[in-house]
Protein backbone atom coordinates (compact mmCIF):
# COMPACT_ATOMS: atom_id res chain seq x y z
CA MET A 1 86.92 -34.94 164.86
CA ARG A 2 85.26 -38.05 164.24
CA THR A 3 85.64 -41.72 165.32
CA ASN A 4 85.58 -44.61 163.10
CA THR A 5 86.73 -48.11 162.20
CA LEU A 6 90.55 -48.55 160.66
CA PRO A 7 90.39 -48.83 156.88
CA ASN A 8 93.17 -50.56 154.74
CA ARG A 9 96.39 -48.84 155.51
CA LEU A 10 100.00 -49.08 154.61
CA VAL A 11 101.13 -50.71 158.00
CA SER A 12 105.04 -49.46 157.45
CA MET A 13 103.75 -45.93 157.32
CA ASP A 14 101.91 -46.27 160.56
CA VAL A 15 104.99 -47.52 162.14
CA TYR A 16 107.05 -44.93 160.86
CA ARG A 17 104.53 -42.29 162.28
CA GLY A 18 104.35 -44.17 165.39
CA PHE A 19 108.11 -43.91 165.63
CA VAL A 20 108.04 -40.32 165.01
CA MET A 21 105.37 -39.68 167.47
CA PHE A 22 107.10 -41.72 169.98
CA LEU A 23 110.45 -39.46 169.77
CA MET A 24 108.05 -36.57 170.48
CA MET A 25 106.20 -38.07 173.49
CA ALA A 26 109.39 -39.35 174.67
CA GLU A 27 110.35 -35.95 175.68
CA VAL A 28 109.03 -36.62 179.33
CA LEU A 29 112.10 -38.81 179.67
CA GLU A 30 113.88 -35.71 180.02
CA TYR A 31 117.36 -37.13 179.24
CA CYS A 32 119.03 -33.90 179.59
CA ARG A 33 118.27 -33.40 183.16
CA VAL A 34 119.75 -37.07 183.73
CA ALA A 35 122.90 -36.11 181.63
CA ALA A 36 123.34 -32.91 183.94
CA THR A 37 123.70 -35.21 187.00
CA ARG A 38 126.40 -37.43 184.78
CA PRO A 39 128.56 -34.81 182.94
CA GLN A 40 131.24 -37.43 182.05
CA SER A 41 128.70 -39.61 180.69
CA TRP A 42 129.07 -39.94 176.56
CA PHE A 43 125.79 -42.20 176.90
CA TRP A 44 123.49 -39.63 178.56
CA GLU A 45 125.20 -36.82 176.59
CA THR A 46 124.34 -38.56 173.26
CA LEU A 47 120.82 -39.26 174.57
CA CYS A 48 120.38 -35.44 175.72
CA TRP A 49 121.64 -34.35 172.10
CA HIS A 50 119.64 -36.07 170.13
CA GLN A 51 116.35 -35.34 172.14
CA SER A 52 117.18 -31.59 171.68
CA HIS A 53 116.92 -29.43 168.57
CA VAL A 54 120.35 -28.02 167.41
CA GLU A 55 121.07 -24.43 167.88
CA TRP A 56 120.93 -23.62 164.36
CA THR A 57 122.76 -25.55 161.70
CA GLY A 58 122.96 -29.22 161.51
CA CYS A 59 120.62 -31.78 162.70
CA SER A 60 119.96 -34.46 165.61
CA LEU A 61 117.32 -37.30 165.68
CA HIS A 62 114.71 -34.71 167.42
CA ASP A 63 115.00 -32.44 164.41
CA MET A 64 113.51 -34.96 162.36
CA ILE A 65 110.36 -35.36 164.03
CA GLN A 66 108.45 -32.52 162.15
CA PRO A 67 109.84 -33.02 158.74
CA SER A 68 108.90 -36.90 159.11
CA PHE A 69 105.33 -35.78 160.18
CA SER A 70 104.90 -33.49 157.28
CA PHE A 71 106.75 -36.16 154.71
CA LEU A 72 103.90 -38.99 155.94
CA VAL A 73 101.03 -36.46 155.47
CA GLY A 74 102.13 -36.58 151.63
CA VAL A 75 102.33 -40.49 151.65
CA ALA A 76 98.92 -40.85 153.40
CA MET A 77 97.20 -38.21 150.68
CA VAL A 78 98.39 -40.51 147.89
CA TYR A 79 96.34 -43.56 149.53
CA SER A 80 93.84 -41.55 150.93
CA LEU A 81 93.14 -39.81 147.40
CA LYS A 82 92.87 -43.17 145.75
CA ASN A 83 90.56 -44.88 148.20
CA ARG A 84 88.16 -41.75 147.90
CA VAL A 85 88.23 -41.55 144.28
CA SER A 86 87.71 -45.11 143.76
CA SER A 87 84.58 -44.47 146.04
CA GLY A 88 83.19 -41.78 143.72
CA ALA A 89 84.54 -38.82 145.46
CA SER A 90 84.84 -35.85 142.95
CA PHE A 91 87.23 -32.96 143.27
CA SER A 92 84.43 -30.65 144.25
CA LYS A 93 83.33 -32.82 147.12
CA LEU A 94 86.98 -33.53 148.15
CA PHE A 95 88.41 -29.72 148.18
CA PRO A 96 85.71 -28.57 150.72
CA ARG A 97 86.79 -31.47 153.15
CA VAL A 98 90.38 -30.33 152.87
CA LEU A 99 89.72 -26.76 153.47
CA ARG A 100 87.91 -27.94 156.67
CA ARG A 101 90.67 -30.37 157.73
CA SER A 102 93.23 -27.60 157.15
CA LEU A 103 91.27 -25.09 159.22
CA ILE A 104 91.04 -27.57 161.94
CA LEU A 105 94.67 -28.58 161.90
CA ILE A 106 95.44 -24.65 162.36
CA VAL A 107 93.12 -23.97 164.96
CA LEU A 108 93.92 -27.24 167.17
CA GLY A 109 97.62 -26.29 166.95
CA ILE A 110 97.07 -22.66 168.18
CA PHE A 111 94.93 -23.90 170.66
CA LEU A 112 97.48 -26.68 172.14
CA ARG A 113 100.09 -23.81 171.98
CA SER A 114 97.77 -21.55 173.91
CA THR A 115 97.31 -23.93 176.79
CA GLY A 116 97.88 -22.53 180.04
CA ALA A 117 98.43 -18.80 178.50
CA ALA A 118 96.36 -15.72 179.72
CA GLN A 119 95.10 -15.56 176.19
CA THR A 120 94.77 -17.08 172.79
CA TYR A 121 98.46 -17.12 171.61
CA PHE A 122 98.35 -16.73 167.89
CA THR A 123 101.36 -18.81 166.68
CA PHE A 124 101.67 -20.69 163.37
CA GLU A 125 105.25 -22.27 163.56
CA ASP A 126 103.85 -25.36 165.32
CA THR A 127 103.85 -28.87 163.46
CA LEU A 128 99.99 -28.78 163.18
CA THR A 129 99.49 -25.04 161.97
CA GLN A 130 102.46 -25.40 159.40
CA ILE A 131 101.00 -28.83 157.88
CA GLY A 132 97.27 -27.03 157.80
CA LEU A 133 98.64 -24.01 156.16
CA GLY A 134 100.13 -26.00 153.33
CA TYR A 135 97.81 -28.92 153.23
CA PRO A 136 95.14 -27.39 150.87
CA PHE A 137 97.93 -26.57 148.29
CA LEU A 138 99.43 -30.07 148.73
CA PHE A 139 95.97 -31.35 147.61
CA LEU A 140 95.88 -29.05 144.36
CA ILE A 141 99.83 -30.18 143.83
CA SER A 142 98.63 -33.88 144.20
CA HIS A 143 96.21 -33.72 141.22
CA LEU A 144 98.96 -32.38 138.81
CA SER A 145 100.91 -34.82 136.59
CA ARG A 146 104.20 -36.08 138.17
CA ARG A 147 106.01 -33.45 135.90
CA GLY A 148 103.87 -30.77 137.21
CA GLN A 149 104.69 -32.18 140.93
CA VAL A 150 108.29 -31.94 140.08
CA ALA A 151 107.95 -28.34 138.98
CA ALA A 152 106.20 -27.22 141.86
CA PHE A 153 108.47 -28.68 143.95
CA LEU A 154 111.48 -26.79 142.36
CA PHE A 155 109.34 -23.64 142.51
CA LEU A 156 108.70 -23.87 145.93
CA VAL A 157 112.53 -24.44 147.02
CA ALA A 158 113.88 -22.12 144.67
CA GLY A 159 111.51 -19.45 145.19
CA TYR A 160 112.08 -19.71 148.92
CA TRP A 161 116.08 -19.61 148.34
CA LEU A 162 115.45 -16.53 146.30
CA ALA A 163 113.29 -14.50 148.62
CA PHE A 164 115.62 -15.13 151.31
CA ALA A 165 118.71 -14.40 149.13
CA LEU A 166 117.45 -11.05 147.89
CA TYR A 167 116.21 -9.98 151.52
CA PRO A 168 118.90 -7.41 152.60
CA LEU A 169 121.49 -8.25 155.46
CA PRO A 170 121.25 -5.88 158.74
CA ALA A 171 122.52 -2.65 158.13
CA ALA A 172 125.41 -0.94 160.26
CA ASN A 173 122.87 0.63 162.60
CA PHE A 174 120.49 -2.46 162.84
CA ASN A 175 119.08 -3.05 166.37
CA PHE A 176 120.05 -6.57 167.07
CA SER A 177 118.51 -6.67 170.58
CA ASP A 178 115.22 -5.66 169.26
CA ALA A 179 115.17 -8.59 166.95
CA GLY A 180 116.15 -11.07 169.84
CA ALA A 181 119.71 -11.70 167.97
CA ASP A 182 123.35 -11.21 168.87
CA PRO A 183 125.95 -10.33 166.26
CA ASN A 184 128.48 -12.24 168.44
CA TRP A 185 126.32 -15.29 168.91
CA PRO A 186 128.85 -18.21 167.88
CA TYR A 187 126.10 -20.07 165.50
CA ASN A 188 125.68 -16.95 163.30
CA LEU A 189 126.62 -17.55 159.46
CA ARG A 190 128.99 -15.24 157.55
CA GLY A 191 129.20 -14.32 154.10
CA PHE A 192 126.54 -14.93 151.88
CA ALA A 193 124.90 -17.85 154.20
CA ALA A 194 124.19 -14.67 156.56
CA HIS A 195 120.99 -14.26 154.74
CA TRP A 196 119.67 -17.28 156.84
CA ASN A 197 120.75 -16.07 160.18
CA LYS A 198 118.50 -16.11 163.01
CA ASN A 199 115.81 -13.41 163.66
CA THR A 200 117.47 -10.98 160.82
CA ASN A 201 115.95 -12.89 157.77
CA LEU A 202 112.87 -12.54 155.67
CA ALA A 203 110.72 -14.64 157.45
CA TRP A 204 111.49 -13.09 160.71
CA ALA A 205 110.52 -9.50 158.88
CA VAL A 206 107.31 -11.16 157.89
CA ASP A 207 106.32 -12.36 161.18
CA ARG A 208 106.95 -8.82 162.68
CA TRP A 209 104.05 -7.76 160.32
CA PHE A 210 101.86 -10.71 160.34
CA LEU A 211 101.83 -11.74 163.98
CA ASN A 212 100.83 -8.34 165.10
CA LEU A 213 97.71 -8.40 163.04
CA PHE A 214 96.25 -10.69 165.92
CA PRO A 215 95.36 -9.75 169.68
CA THR A 216 98.45 -10.26 171.40
CA ALA A 217 99.53 -9.35 175.11
CA GLU A 218 102.43 -7.60 173.65
CA THR A 219 103.92 -6.62 170.48
CA PHE A 220 105.45 -9.32 168.60
CA LEU A 221 109.11 -8.87 167.92
CA PHE A 222 110.84 -12.15 167.55
CA ASN A 223 110.65 -15.56 168.13
CA GLU A 224 113.00 -16.92 170.80
CA GLY A 225 113.87 -19.88 168.75
CA GLY A 226 113.80 -18.27 165.46
CA TYR A 227 110.95 -20.34 164.15
CA CYS A 228 108.57 -18.57 161.57
CA THR A 229 105.16 -18.80 160.05
CA LEU A 230 106.66 -18.59 156.52
CA SER A 231 108.16 -22.10 157.08
CA PHE A 232 105.04 -23.63 155.70
CA VAL A 233 106.06 -22.91 152.13
CA PRO A 234 109.01 -25.18 152.26
CA THR A 235 107.38 -27.47 154.75
CA LEU A 236 104.76 -27.91 151.87
CA ALA A 237 108.03 -29.07 149.76
CA THR A 238 108.55 -31.73 152.22
CA MET A 239 104.98 -32.88 151.92
CA VAL A 240 105.33 -33.07 148.38
CA LEU A 241 108.64 -35.35 148.74
CA GLY A 242 106.30 -37.46 150.40
CA LEU A 243 103.78 -37.35 147.68
CA PHE A 244 106.51 -38.70 145.49
CA ALA A 245 107.20 -41.68 148.20
CA GLY A 246 103.61 -42.63 148.22
CA SER A 247 103.32 -42.79 144.49
CA ALA A 248 106.24 -45.16 144.18
CA LEU A 249 105.05 -47.13 146.89
CA GLN A 250 101.62 -47.54 145.37
CA SER A 251 102.92 -48.30 141.71
CA ALA A 252 102.93 -51.69 140.39
CA GLY A 253 106.77 -52.08 140.50
CA ALA A 254 108.38 -54.99 142.52
CA PRO A 255 108.88 -54.28 146.28
CA SER A 256 112.62 -54.32 145.67
CA ALA A 257 112.31 -51.95 143.08
CA LYS A 258 110.39 -49.58 145.30
CA ILE A 259 113.00 -49.91 147.93
CA ARG A 260 116.03 -49.04 145.42
CA GLN A 261 113.91 -45.96 144.26
CA LEU A 262 113.26 -44.51 147.81
CA ALA A 263 116.87 -45.22 148.80
CA LEU A 264 118.25 -43.48 145.33
CA TRP A 265 116.02 -40.45 146.28
CA GLY A 266 117.07 -40.22 149.57
CA ILE A 267 120.86 -40.59 149.15
CA SER A 268 120.68 -38.20 146.18
CA SER A 269 118.45 -35.45 148.13
CA ILE A 270 120.82 -35.88 151.36
CA ALA A 271 123.87 -35.25 148.93
CA ALA A 272 122.11 -32.30 147.41
CA GLY A 273 121.40 -30.78 150.40
CA LEU A 274 124.99 -31.28 152.18
CA LEU A 275 126.39 -30.03 148.80
CA VAL A 276 124.58 -26.70 148.97
CA HIS A 277 125.30 -26.35 152.54
CA PHE A 278 129.00 -26.88 152.56
CA LEU A 279 129.56 -24.70 149.37
CA GLY A 280 127.93 -21.53 151.26
CA ILE A 281 124.89 -21.48 148.77
CA CYS A 282 122.12 -22.49 151.32
CA PRO A 283 122.67 -23.58 155.09
CA ILE A 284 120.85 -26.70 156.57
CA VAL A 285 118.73 -24.80 159.15
CA LYS A 286 115.50 -26.87 160.58
CA ARG A 287 114.17 -23.82 162.48
CA ILE A 288 113.53 -21.67 159.43
CA TRP A 289 113.28 -24.64 157.20
CA THR A 290 115.69 -23.74 154.46
CA PRO A 291 115.72 -25.28 151.11
CA ALA A 292 118.80 -27.28 152.03
CA TRP A 293 116.78 -28.20 154.97
CA VAL A 294 114.08 -29.55 152.62
CA LEU A 295 116.78 -31.60 150.69
CA PHE A 296 118.66 -33.11 153.72
CA SER A 297 115.60 -33.91 155.98
CA GLY A 298 113.76 -35.11 152.97
CA GLY A 299 116.27 -37.47 151.97
CA ALA A 300 116.68 -38.79 155.53
CA CYS A 301 112.86 -39.12 155.50
CA PHE A 302 112.83 -41.34 152.08
CA LEU A 303 115.55 -43.62 153.84
CA PHE A 304 113.34 -43.91 156.99
CA MET A 305 110.35 -44.87 154.95
CA ALA A 306 112.32 -47.29 152.50
CA PHE A 307 113.83 -48.85 155.78
CA PHE A 308 110.28 -49.31 157.54
CA TYR A 309 108.73 -50.57 154.06
CA TRP A 310 111.50 -53.17 153.74
CA LEU A 311 110.87 -54.33 157.42
CA ILE A 312 107.33 -54.04 157.75
CA GLY A 313 106.08 -54.58 154.31
CA ILE A 314 108.79 -57.04 152.67
CA ARG A 315 110.22 -58.87 155.81
CA GLN A 316 106.95 -59.04 157.51
CA VAL A 317 108.69 -58.25 161.09
CA ARG A 318 105.33 -56.81 162.63
CA ARG A 319 105.12 -58.10 165.96
CA PRO A 320 108.04 -56.35 167.41
CA PHE A 321 106.68 -52.96 166.04
CA PHE A 322 103.07 -53.43 167.05
CA TRP A 323 103.60 -50.82 169.95
CA LEU A 324 104.62 -48.29 167.31
CA MET A 325 101.66 -49.11 165.13
CA VAL A 326 99.40 -48.44 168.15
CA ILE A 327 100.58 -44.93 168.24
CA GLY A 328 100.91 -44.26 164.60
CA VAL A 329 97.15 -44.99 163.63
CA ASN A 330 96.11 -42.51 166.37
CA SER A 331 98.97 -39.78 165.64
CA ILE A 332 96.56 -36.98 166.37
CA ALA A 333 95.21 -38.65 169.82
CA ALA A 334 99.05 -39.07 170.71
CA TYR A 335 99.71 -35.46 169.83
CA VAL A 336 96.87 -34.10 171.88
CA LEU A 337 97.68 -36.24 174.75
CA ALA A 338 101.20 -35.37 174.48
CA HIS A 339 100.51 -31.75 174.86
CA THR A 340 97.59 -31.75 177.26
CA VAL A 341 97.18 -34.31 179.77
CA VAL A 342 101.10 -35.38 180.75
CA GLY A 343 101.00 -32.53 183.10
CA PHE A 344 97.61 -33.48 184.67
CA ILE A 345 98.72 -37.11 185.03
CA HIS A 346 102.19 -36.41 186.68
CA GLY A 347 100.10 -34.15 189.34
CA SER A 348 97.51 -36.68 189.97
CA LEU A 349 99.93 -39.34 190.39
CA GLN A 350 101.89 -37.49 193.11
CA THR A 351 98.59 -35.81 194.68
CA HIS A 352 96.34 -38.69 194.90
CA LEU A 353 98.53 -41.59 195.15
CA GLY A 354 101.66 -40.14 196.72
CA VAL A 355 104.01 -41.61 194.04
CA GLN A 356 107.81 -40.66 194.56
CA TYR A 357 109.65 -41.05 191.74
CA ASP A 358 113.05 -40.92 193.28
CA ALA A 359 112.41 -44.06 195.30
CA VAL A 360 113.03 -46.43 192.39
CA LEU A 361 116.44 -45.62 191.17
CA GLY A 362 117.32 -42.42 193.27
CA THR A 363 117.18 -38.58 192.77
CA ASP A 364 119.36 -38.36 189.61
CA TYR A 365 117.07 -40.74 187.89
CA ALA A 366 113.95 -39.59 189.03
CA PRO A 367 113.05 -37.62 185.70
CA LEU A 368 113.61 -40.70 183.89
CA VAL A 369 111.36 -43.03 186.13
CA ARG A 370 108.58 -40.19 185.89
CA GLY A 371 108.75 -39.87 182.03
CA ALA A 372 108.59 -43.52 181.69
CA SER A 373 105.70 -43.65 183.82
CA LEU A 374 103.71 -41.04 181.94
CA LEU A 375 104.64 -42.43 178.55
CA LEU A 376 103.51 -45.78 179.44
CA LEU A 377 100.14 -44.30 180.76
CA GLN A 378 99.88 -42.55 177.19
CA TRP A 379 100.32 -45.54 175.25
CA TRP A 380 97.92 -47.64 177.66
CA VAL A 381 95.52 -44.93 176.58
CA LEU A 382 96.30 -45.41 173.05
CA PHE A 383 96.13 -49.26 173.30
CA TRP A 384 92.79 -49.06 174.77
CA MET A 385 91.68 -47.01 171.91
CA TRP A 386 92.87 -49.22 169.63
CA ARG A 387 91.38 -52.46 171.09
CA ARG A 388 88.25 -50.54 170.91
CA LYS A 389 88.74 -49.40 167.48
CA ILE A 390 88.56 -45.98 168.21
CA PHE A 391 90.64 -43.72 165.86
CA LEU A 392 90.68 -40.01 165.87
CA LYS A 393 90.47 -38.32 162.41
CA ILE A 394 90.43 -34.74 161.46
């Protein structure tokens, strides 16, 4: 990693990224623990639901973190390539840099997931590893014509759908417990959609082979949440949608026309995702990143991008969102902070300062007070870095 000064940027993209990173960092607020003490409160129940991933099909606000982060990688690549090409960088110089960045993202993702483990935990479903696996392909696709990019997107989503559809459903003698699956799980899909059930699908079968190629404490059988390595393929499709958005924002058209274009793509994509979901062609499942999820979540990303571009880029409402921009311009630092030092800070506050979180609002709200304290400290570190123009890049 390196530090450098902040280049010219699309501020609305930074604020959107800051919003996404804040949703991830805000996990320390632990709304669900507060909701457990307020079982009759729809307010806390709603906050809890949107701070959790859905069991299988559907979407909560928390489920939009990873697709938004991936989508913004595509948007950022459009701007990055323009800056580097204008400075004289060639494909032969850029591609090794892309490969290096890809490798660093993968290694960093594995490292953060291995924190506290007895040995390196080789897993590739993390946000950073998923982006890292697809990043070189995104770079190659970004050099295609618009028609070529659209063809690449269609190939990714159609090919991923077909691969799952052709993979056989569990046989009568299938050992569900060995796959961490339950035939009576209430979230199981029926009929043709069963090809996308948890831990009985193509991606699960691939991981049973692939992850056991690495040193493991025990043989890999399944992922508890149903997540999989192969999701990097449709994640790449989400990043390609980001390329489309970035190209639209960088075009010479009027700002209002750009907003309409993003909004149209967003609404159309959401509608297409919902259509194939309810027709039973392909369910909306974030955990295995189904093609329907690419369409639905990608559509939502278009709308988020349109909103922040309208608010920040056109209406110039920036001051109230400065705190999000501070997070967004240092997203890698924010990601590392959230996955490493939170526990250390928490322990230090209690051990060295004798902080008692239940002394503020009582025992029921202690998790919220603790989380708010940690969140504020993380933001202060990022603000300190911003003031000193320290920006971590890969």
